[in-house]
């Protein structure tokens, strides 16, 4: 089992910045990829950013150039630095960890509890 604990959500003005943190515990040796997803009002959950291994990253087109995902392996923590925030970034943000298990490298996903990010003046 993997447990994920998030922090850093809150209210920020348009153009401002926030940094989300997600600390992993449990069977952390099995984690390959960590990332962030979000779900806005009336929308499906969507990928925001992922990081695999030490430095391989992937971003949704809507956040490229504004958000940065990073990973501190010593602390088993992933971060999402969000700059130039827009009202459309308002959503519940979820931390995700993907693990590969068993002889066929079956993927298993673990999720944080979600943290609210609100961008409003």
N, C-alpha and C. Protein backbone atom coordinates (compact mmCIF):
# COMPACT_ATOMS: atom_id res chain seq x y z
N UNK A 1 0.82 -1.19 0.00
CA UNK A 1 0.00 0.00 0.00
C UNK A 1 0.86 1.25 0.00
N UNK A 2 0.35 2.30 -0.64
CA UNK A 2 1.00 3.60 -0.69
C UNK A 2 0.01 4.63 -0.16
N UNK A 3 0.49 5.48 0.73
CA UNK A 3 -0.32 6.57 1.26
C UNK A 3 0.24 7.90 0.79
N UNK A 4 -0.64 8.82 0.39
CA UNK A 4 -0.24 10.12 -0.11
C UNK A 4 -0.89 11.21 0.73
N UNK A 5 -0.09 12.17 1.19
CA UNK A 5 -0.57 13.28 2.00
C UNK A 5 -0.22 14.58 1.31
N UNK A 6 -1.23 15.39 1.01
CA UNK A 6 -1.06 16.63 0.28
C UNK A 6 -1.10 17.84 1.21
N UNK A 7 -0.52 18.94 0.72
CA UNK A 7 -0.60 20.22 1.40
C UNK A 7 -0.36 21.33 0.39
N UNK A 8 -0.77 22.55 0.74
CA UNK A 8 -0.45 23.71 -0.07
C UNK A 8 -1.59 24.34 -0.83
N UNK A 9 -2.76 23.72 -0.84
CA UNK A 9 -3.89 24.31 -1.53
C UNK A 9 -4.41 25.54 -0.81
N UNK A 10 -5.23 26.32 -1.51
CA UNK A 10 -5.79 27.51 -0.90
C UNK A 10 -6.34 28.47 -1.92
N UNK A 11 -6.54 29.70 -1.48
CA UNK A 11 -7.08 30.78 -2.30
C UNK A 11 -5.96 31.71 -2.74
N UNK A 12 -5.93 32.05 -4.02
CA UNK A 12 -4.91 32.94 -4.55
C UNK A 12 -5.53 33.83 -5.62
N UNK A 13 -4.98 35.02 -5.78
CA UNK A 13 -5.47 35.95 -6.79
C UNK A 13 -4.97 35.58 -8.18
N UNK A 14 -5.68 35.97 -9.23
CA UNK A 14 -5.18 35.73 -10.59
C UNK A 14 -3.79 36.32 -10.78
N UNK A 15 -2.92 35.55 -11.43
CA UNK A 15 -1.54 35.96 -11.62
C UNK A 15 -0.61 35.56 -10.49
N UNK A 16 -1.16 35.06 -9.41
CA UNK A 16 -0.37 34.65 -8.27
C UNK A 16 0.18 33.25 -8.40
N UNK A 17 0.78 32.77 -7.31
CA UNK A 17 1.45 31.47 -7.32
C UNK A 17 1.08 30.66 -6.09
N UNK A 18 1.12 29.35 -6.25
CA UNK A 18 0.97 28.39 -5.17
C UNK A 18 1.91 27.22 -5.42
N UNK A 19 2.32 26.56 -4.35
CA UNK A 19 3.08 25.33 -4.47
C UNK A 19 2.39 24.22 -3.69
N UNK A 20 2.06 23.15 -4.39
CA UNK A 20 1.47 21.98 -3.77
C UNK A 20 2.55 20.96 -3.46
N UNK A 21 2.38 20.26 -2.34
CA UNK A 21 3.31 19.21 -1.94
C UNK A 21 2.55 17.92 -1.71
N UNK A 22 3.19 16.80 -1.99
CA UNK A 22 2.60 15.49 -1.77
C UNK A 22 3.68 14.54 -1.27
N UNK A 23 3.53 14.06 -0.05
CA UNK A 23 4.49 13.15 0.55
C UNK A 23 3.96 11.72 0.50
N UNK A 24 4.79 10.80 0.03
CA UNK A 24 4.40 9.40 -0.11
C UNK A 24 5.01 8.56 1.01
N UNK A 25 4.25 7.58 1.48
CA UNK A 25 4.74 6.64 2.47
C UNK A 25 4.15 5.27 2.18
N UNK A 26 4.69 4.25 2.84
CA UNK A 26 4.26 2.89 2.60
C UNK A 26 5.24 2.17 1.69
N UNK A 27 4.71 1.51 0.68
CA UNK A 27 5.54 0.75 -0.27
C UNK A 27 6.13 1.66 -1.33
N UNK A 28 6.90 2.64 -0.89
CA UNK A 28 7.40 3.66 -1.80
C UNK A 28 8.43 3.11 -2.78
N UNK A 29 9.03 1.98 -2.45
CA UNK A 29 10.03 1.39 -3.35
C UNK A 29 9.42 0.96 -4.68
N UNK A 30 8.11 0.78 -4.71
CA UNK A 30 7.43 0.33 -5.93
C UNK A 30 6.97 1.47 -6.83
N UNK A 31 7.08 2.72 -6.38
CA UNK A 31 6.58 3.86 -7.14
C UNK A 31 7.50 4.17 -8.32
N UNK A 32 6.91 4.30 -9.49
CA UNK A 32 7.64 4.68 -10.69
C UNK A 32 7.36 6.11 -11.10
N UNK A 33 6.07 6.46 -11.20
CA UNK A 33 5.66 7.78 -11.65
C UNK A 33 4.78 8.44 -10.61
N UNK A 34 4.99 9.73 -10.39
CA UNK A 34 4.10 10.53 -9.56
C UNK A 34 3.59 11.70 -10.37
N UNK A 35 2.42 12.20 -9.99
CA UNK A 35 1.86 13.29 -10.76
C UNK A 35 0.70 13.97 -10.07
N UNK A 36 0.15 14.94 -10.78
CA UNK A 36 -0.98 15.72 -10.30
C UNK A 36 -2.10 15.69 -11.33
N UNK A 37 -3.31 15.52 -10.84
CA UNK A 37 -4.52 15.60 -11.63
C UNK A 37 -5.44 16.64 -11.00
N UNK A 38 -6.42 17.11 -11.76
CA UNK A 38 -7.37 18.06 -11.20
C UNK A 38 -8.75 17.82 -11.77
N UNK A 39 -9.75 18.27 -11.01
CA UNK A 39 -11.13 18.16 -11.44
C UNK A 39 -11.84 19.47 -11.12
N UNK A 40 -12.19 20.22 -12.16
CA UNK A 40 -12.92 21.46 -12.00
C UNK A 40 -14.42 21.22 -11.92
N UNK A 41 -15.18 22.26 -11.61
CA UNK A 41 -16.64 22.12 -11.51
C UNK A 41 -17.26 21.62 -12.81
N UNK A 42 -18.01 20.55 -12.74
CA UNK A 42 -18.68 20.00 -13.90
C UNK A 42 -17.77 19.34 -14.92
N UNK A 43 -16.53 19.06 -14.55
CA UNK A 43 -15.57 18.47 -15.48
C UNK A 43 -15.08 17.11 -14.99
N UNK A 44 -14.51 16.35 -15.92
CA UNK A 44 -13.87 15.09 -15.56
C UNK A 44 -12.47 15.36 -15.00
N UNK A 45 -11.97 14.42 -14.23
CA UNK A 45 -10.60 14.54 -13.74
C UNK A 45 -9.63 14.48 -14.91
N UNK A 46 -8.65 15.39 -14.94
CA UNK A 46 -7.71 15.47 -16.04
C UNK A 46 -6.28 15.52 -15.52
N UNK A 47 -5.38 15.05 -16.34
CA UNK A 47 -3.96 15.08 -16.01
C UNK A 47 -3.44 16.51 -16.06
N UNK A 48 -2.63 16.88 -15.07
CA UNK A 48 -1.97 18.17 -15.05
C UNK A 48 -0.48 18.01 -15.39
N UNK A 49 0.21 17.15 -14.64
CA UNK A 49 1.63 16.95 -14.85
C UNK A 49 2.06 15.64 -14.22
N UNK A 50 3.08 15.01 -14.79
CA UNK A 50 3.67 13.80 -14.22
C UNK A 50 5.19 13.90 -14.25
N UNK A 51 5.82 13.13 -13.38
CA UNK A 51 7.27 13.03 -13.38
C UNK A 51 7.64 11.57 -13.15
N UNK A 52 8.54 11.06 -13.98
CA UNK A 52 8.97 9.68 -13.92
C UNK A 52 10.46 9.62 -13.68
N UNK A 53 10.86 8.77 -12.75
CA UNK A 53 12.27 8.67 -12.42
C UNK A 53 12.80 9.97 -11.86
N UNK A 54 13.98 10.35 -12.32
CA UNK A 54 14.60 11.54 -11.78
C UNK A 54 14.15 12.84 -12.39
N UNK A 55 13.79 12.83 -13.69
CA UNK A 55 13.58 14.12 -14.34
C UNK A 55 12.65 14.12 -15.53
N UNK A 56 12.11 13.00 -15.96
CA UNK A 56 11.25 12.97 -17.14
C UNK A 56 9.87 13.50 -16.78
N UNK A 57 9.45 14.59 -17.43
CA UNK A 57 8.20 15.26 -17.09
C UNK A 57 7.25 15.33 -18.27
N UNK A 58 5.96 15.49 -17.96
CA UNK A 58 4.92 15.64 -18.96
C UNK A 58 3.88 16.60 -18.41
N UNK A 59 3.39 17.51 -19.27
CA UNK A 59 2.43 18.52 -18.85
C UNK A 59 1.24 18.59 -19.77
N UNK A 60 0.09 18.92 -19.21
CA UNK A 60 -1.06 19.26 -20.03
C UNK A 60 -0.79 20.56 -20.78
N UNK A 61 -1.34 20.67 -21.99
CA UNK A 61 -1.11 21.87 -22.79
C UNK A 61 -1.56 23.14 -22.07
N UNK A 62 -2.60 23.04 -21.27
CA UNK A 62 -3.16 24.20 -20.61
C UNK A 62 -2.27 24.79 -19.52
N UNK A 63 -1.27 24.03 -19.06
CA UNK A 63 -0.42 24.51 -17.98
C UNK A 63 1.04 24.64 -18.38
N UNK A 64 1.39 24.27 -19.59
CA UNK A 64 2.78 24.36 -20.04
C UNK A 64 3.28 25.80 -19.96
N UNK A 65 4.48 25.96 -19.43
CA UNK A 65 5.06 27.28 -19.27
C UNK A 65 4.67 27.98 -18.00
N UNK A 66 3.68 27.45 -17.28
CA UNK A 66 3.22 28.07 -16.04
C UNK A 66 3.44 27.18 -14.81
N UNK A 67 3.27 25.87 -14.98
CA UNK A 67 3.42 24.93 -13.88
C UNK A 67 4.72 24.15 -14.02
N UNK A 68 5.30 23.77 -12.89
CA UNK A 68 6.51 22.95 -12.88
C UNK A 68 6.35 21.85 -11.85
N UNK A 69 6.56 20.61 -12.27
CA UNK A 69 6.53 19.49 -11.35
C UNK A 69 7.97 19.09 -11.03
N UNK A 70 8.22 18.74 -9.78
CA UNK A 70 9.54 18.31 -9.36
C UNK A 70 9.41 17.23 -8.29
N UNK A 71 10.53 16.57 -8.02
CA UNK A 71 10.51 15.41 -7.12
C UNK A 71 11.75 15.43 -6.24
N UNK A 72 11.54 15.21 -4.95
CA UNK A 72 12.63 15.09 -3.99
C UNK A 72 12.63 13.64 -3.52
N UNK A 73 13.50 12.83 -4.08
CA UNK A 73 13.52 11.41 -3.76
C UNK A 73 13.90 11.14 -2.30
N UNK A 74 14.78 11.97 -1.75
CA UNK A 74 15.19 11.78 -0.36
C UNK A 74 14.02 11.95 0.60
N UNK A 75 13.09 12.82 0.25
CA UNK A 75 11.93 13.07 1.08
C UNK A 75 10.68 12.34 0.60
N UNK A 76 10.79 11.60 -0.50
CA UNK A 76 9.65 10.91 -1.10
C UNK A 76 8.48 11.87 -1.33
N UNK A 77 8.80 13.03 -1.86
CA UNK A 77 7.82 14.09 -2.02
C UNK A 77 7.84 14.63 -3.44
N UNK A 78 6.66 14.92 -3.97
CA UNK A 78 6.53 15.55 -5.27
C UNK A 78 5.87 16.91 -5.07
N UNK A 79 6.29 17.89 -5.89
CA UNK A 79 5.80 19.25 -5.79
C UNK A 79 5.18 19.69 -7.10
N UNK A 80 4.26 20.62 -7.01
CA UNK A 80 3.72 21.29 -8.18
C UNK A 80 3.77 22.79 -7.93
N UNK A 81 4.71 23.46 -8.60
CA UNK A 81 4.80 24.91 -8.53
C UNK A 81 3.89 25.50 -9.58
N UNK A 82 2.93 26.30 -9.16
CA UNK A 82 1.94 26.87 -10.06
C UNK A 82 2.12 28.39 -10.08
N UNK A 83 2.49 28.91 -11.23
CA UNK A 83 2.68 30.34 -11.43
C UNK A 83 1.67 30.88 -12.43
N UNK A 84 1.51 32.20 -12.44
CA UNK A 84 0.59 32.86 -13.37
C UNK A 84 -0.78 32.20 -13.37
N UNK A 85 -1.31 31.98 -12.19
CA UNK A 85 -2.56 31.25 -12.06
C UNK A 85 -3.73 32.02 -12.66
N UNK A 86 -4.65 31.27 -13.26
CA UNK A 86 -5.83 31.81 -13.90
C UNK A 86 -7.08 31.27 -13.22
N UNK A 87 -8.21 31.97 -13.33
CA UNK A 87 -9.44 31.46 -12.74
C UNK A 87 -9.80 30.05 -13.22
N UNK A 88 -9.48 29.72 -14.46
CA UNK A 88 -9.79 28.40 -14.99
C UNK A 88 -8.94 27.29 -14.38
N UNK A 89 -7.91 27.65 -13.60
CA UNK A 89 -7.15 26.67 -12.86
C UNK A 89 -7.86 26.21 -11.59
N UNK A 90 -8.95 26.86 -11.25
CA UNK A 90 -9.70 26.50 -10.05
C UNK A 90 -10.20 25.06 -10.16
N UNK A 91 -9.84 24.23 -9.19
CA UNK A 91 -10.19 22.81 -9.22
C UNK A 91 -9.75 22.16 -7.92
N UNK A 92 -10.20 20.93 -7.73
CA UNK A 92 -9.63 20.07 -6.71
C UNK A 92 -8.44 19.35 -7.33
N UNK A 93 -7.28 19.47 -6.72
CA UNK A 93 -6.07 18.87 -7.23
C UNK A 93 -5.75 17.60 -6.45
N UNK A 94 -5.45 16.52 -7.18
CA UNK A 94 -5.18 15.22 -6.58
C UNK A 94 -3.77 14.76 -6.90
N UNK A 95 -3.07 14.29 -5.88
CA UNK A 95 -1.77 13.68 -6.06
C UNK A 95 -1.95 12.22 -6.47
N UNK A 96 -1.10 11.76 -7.36
CA UNK A 96 -1.16 10.39 -7.86
C UNK A 96 0.21 9.74 -7.82
N UNK A 97 0.23 8.46 -7.48
CA UNK A 97 1.44 7.66 -7.56
C UNK A 97 1.12 6.37 -8.30
N UNK A 98 1.95 6.02 -9.25
CA UNK A 98 1.78 4.80 -10.03
C UNK A 98 2.90 3.83 -9.72
N UNK A 99 2.52 2.60 -9.42
CA UNK A 99 3.48 1.56 -9.08
C UNK A 99 3.36 0.41 -10.07
N UNK A 100 4.48 -0.23 -10.33
CA UNK A 100 4.52 -1.42 -11.18
C UNK A 100 4.80 -2.62 -10.30
N UNK A 101 3.89 -3.59 -10.32
CA UNK A 101 3.99 -4.74 -9.42
C UNK A 101 3.84 -6.05 -10.17
N UNK A 102 4.43 -7.10 -9.63
CA UNK A 102 4.26 -8.44 -10.15
C UNK A 102 5.12 -8.74 -11.35
N UNK A 103 5.06 -9.99 -11.79
CA UNK A 103 5.95 -10.43 -12.88
C UNK A 103 5.64 -9.78 -14.22
N UNK A 104 4.43 -9.24 -14.40
CA UNK A 104 4.06 -8.59 -15.65
C UNK A 104 4.05 -7.07 -15.55
N UNK A 105 4.60 -6.54 -14.47
CA UNK A 105 4.65 -5.09 -14.25
C UNK A 105 3.27 -4.46 -14.36
N UNK A 106 2.32 -5.02 -13.65
CA UNK A 106 0.97 -4.49 -13.63
C UNK A 106 0.93 -3.14 -12.92
N UNK A 107 0.30 -2.16 -13.57
CA UNK A 107 0.24 -0.82 -13.00
C UNK A 107 -0.87 -0.70 -11.96
N UNK A 108 -0.53 -0.11 -10.83
CA UNK A 108 -1.49 0.21 -9.78
C UNK A 108 -1.37 1.68 -9.42
N UNK A 109 -2.52 2.34 -9.26
CA UNK A 109 -2.55 3.76 -8.97
C UNK A 109 -3.04 4.02 -7.55
N UNK A 110 -2.42 5.01 -6.92
CA UNK A 110 -2.79 5.46 -5.59
C UNK A 110 -3.07 6.95 -5.65
N UNK A 111 -4.01 7.41 -4.81
CA UNK A 111 -4.48 8.79 -4.87
C UNK A 111 -4.47 9.45 -3.51
N UNK A 112 -4.16 10.75 -3.51
CA UNK A 112 -4.32 11.56 -2.33
C UNK A 112 -5.77 11.95 -2.12
N UNK A 113 -6.01 12.67 -1.05
CA UNK A 113 -7.38 13.02 -0.68
C UNK A 113 -7.94 14.18 -1.48
N UNK A 114 -7.10 14.92 -2.16
CA UNK A 114 -7.50 16.09 -2.92
C UNK A 114 -7.39 17.36 -2.11
N UNK A 115 -6.96 18.44 -2.75
CA UNK A 115 -6.86 19.74 -2.10
C UNK A 115 -7.42 20.81 -3.02
N UNK A 116 -8.21 21.71 -2.46
CA UNK A 116 -8.89 22.74 -3.25
C UNK A 116 -7.95 23.88 -3.58
N UNK A 117 -7.90 24.25 -4.85
CA UNK A 117 -7.20 25.44 -5.31
C UNK A 117 -8.23 26.36 -5.94
N UNK A 118 -8.33 27.57 -5.41
CA UNK A 118 -9.28 28.56 -5.92
C UNK A 118 -8.53 29.80 -6.35
N UNK A 119 -8.72 30.20 -7.60
CA UNK A 119 -8.08 31.39 -8.16
C UNK A 119 -9.17 32.42 -8.39
N UNK A 120 -9.17 33.47 -7.61
CA UNK A 120 -10.24 34.46 -7.66
C UNK A 120 -9.75 35.78 -7.10
N UNK A 121 -10.28 36.86 -7.66
CA UNK A 121 -9.99 38.19 -7.14
C UNK A 121 -10.99 38.59 -6.07
